[in-house]
Protein backbone atom coordinates (compact mmCIF):
# COMPACT_ATOMS: atom_id res chain seq x y z
CA MET A 1 185.33 -18.94 29.60
CA ALA A 2 186.09 -19.71 33.16
CA ASP A 3 182.47 -19.71 34.06
CA ASP A 4 181.91 -22.61 31.57
CA VAL A 5 184.03 -25.01 33.69
CA PRO A 6 181.84 -27.11 36.12
CA ARG A 7 183.18 -26.71 39.78
CA PRO A 8 184.07 -29.76 41.81
CA LEU A 9 181.35 -30.51 44.44
CA ASP A 10 181.99 -30.01 48.07
CA THR A 11 181.37 -33.11 49.75
CA LYS A 12 180.98 -31.66 53.29
CA THR A 13 178.36 -29.02 52.00
CA THR A 14 176.34 -31.65 50.20
CA ALA A 15 176.40 -34.11 53.09
CA VAL A 16 175.26 -31.50 55.42
CA ASP A 17 172.55 -30.31 53.09
CA ALA A 18 171.35 -33.96 52.51
CA GLU A 19 171.10 -34.39 56.38
CA THR A 20 169.26 -31.18 56.82
CA SER A 21 166.92 -32.07 54.08
CA ALA A 22 166.30 -35.50 55.55
CA LYS A 23 165.46 -33.93 58.93
CA ARG A 24 163.13 -31.43 57.36
CA LYS A 25 161.37 -34.33 55.54
CA ALA A 26 160.93 -36.19 58.62
CA GLU A 27 159.48 -33.27 60.47
CA ARG A 28 157.03 -32.76 57.71
CA SER A 29 156.04 -36.31 57.71
CA GLU A 30 155.46 -36.09 61.57
CA GLN A 31 153.44 -32.90 61.09
CA ASP A 32 151.41 -34.45 58.28
CA ALA A 33 150.61 -37.72 60.32
CA ALA A 34 149.53 -35.42 63.33
CA GLU A 35 147.18 -33.50 61.20
CA ALA A 36 145.81 -36.83 59.63
CA ARG A 37 145.13 -38.13 63.21
CA LYS A 38 143.23 -34.85 64.09
CA GLU A 39 141.25 -34.99 60.78
CA ALA A 40 140.49 -38.68 61.51
CA GLY A 41 139.20 -37.73 64.84
CA LEU A 42 136.90 -35.12 63.57
CA LEU A 43 135.71 -37.32 60.96
CA GLY A 44 134.77 -39.92 63.66
CA LEU A 45 132.90 -37.29 65.44
CA GLY A 46 130.81 -36.42 62.47
CA LEU A 47 130.01 -40.01 61.99
CA GLN A 48 129.15 -40.33 65.53
CA LEU A 49 126.72 -37.50 65.31
CA THR A 50 125.08 -38.69 62.24
CA LEU A 51 124.60 -42.19 63.35
CA THR A 52 123.04 -41.11 66.72
CA VAL A 53 120.48 -39.13 64.89
CA VAL A 54 119.83 -41.94 62.30
CA ALA A 55 119.49 -44.56 65.32
CA PHE A 56 117.09 -42.47 67.13
CA MET A 57 114.93 -41.55 64.10
CA SER A 58 114.95 -45.21 63.25
CA LEU A 59 113.72 -46.12 66.74
CA GLY A 60 111.00 -43.34 66.28
CA TRP A 61 109.91 -44.96 62.91
CA TRP A 62 109.70 -48.20 64.49
CA GLY A 63 107.62 -46.70 67.18
CA ASP A 64 105.45 -45.11 64.72
CA GLN A 65 104.85 -48.36 62.59
CA HIS A 66 104.11 -50.78 65.62
CA TRP A 67 102.75 -48.60 68.32
CA GLY A 68 100.77 -46.14 66.13
CA TRP A 69 102.87 -42.99 67.59
CA ALA A 70 102.75 -41.40 64.01
CA PRO A 71 104.32 -38.90 63.41
CA TRP A 72 105.49 -38.00 67.20
CA GLY A 73 107.78 -41.09 67.47
CA ARG A 74 109.96 -40.13 64.62
CA GLN A 75 109.96 -36.40 65.36
CA GLY A 76 110.37 -36.71 69.08
CA LEU A 77 112.95 -39.27 69.07
CA GLY A 78 114.70 -37.61 66.16
CA PHE A 79 114.98 -34.41 68.11
CA LEU A 80 116.26 -36.41 71.14
CA GLY A 81 118.77 -38.04 68.99
CA ILE A 82 120.10 -34.47 67.76
CA VAL A 83 120.20 -33.31 71.34
CA VAL A 84 122.12 -36.56 72.39
CA GLY A 85 124.51 -36.64 69.50
CA LEU A 86 125.29 -32.82 69.87
CA TYR A 87 126.06 -33.49 73.66
CA PHE A 88 128.35 -36.13 72.96
CA PHE A 89 129.95 -34.16 69.98
CA VAL A 90 130.64 -31.17 72.10
CA LYS A 91 131.85 -33.38 74.94
CA GLU A 92 134.41 -35.14 72.62
CA ALA A 93 135.38 -31.84 70.69
CA THR A 94 136.28 -29.91 73.83
CA LYS A 95 138.85 -32.60 75.24
């Protein structure tokens, strides 16, 4: 029957536990924010690579239409866009 009686709360223990819990939560929040910044940077790199290739291919398509380069404008500038995009991608990723 003695086990059924609720024990009084130790206020020192709960205050320390609450403080420790708050510190852990703040550390997790900081780690989550750092990971989110890193992921946003990687997303930006992927977007930069994609837009570079699309921009060069668009210029090639325009050259094909207006100057009769078909199909070499789109293919040549598309390949150049891949090379330039990968150059900047690797340059930023290795910082």
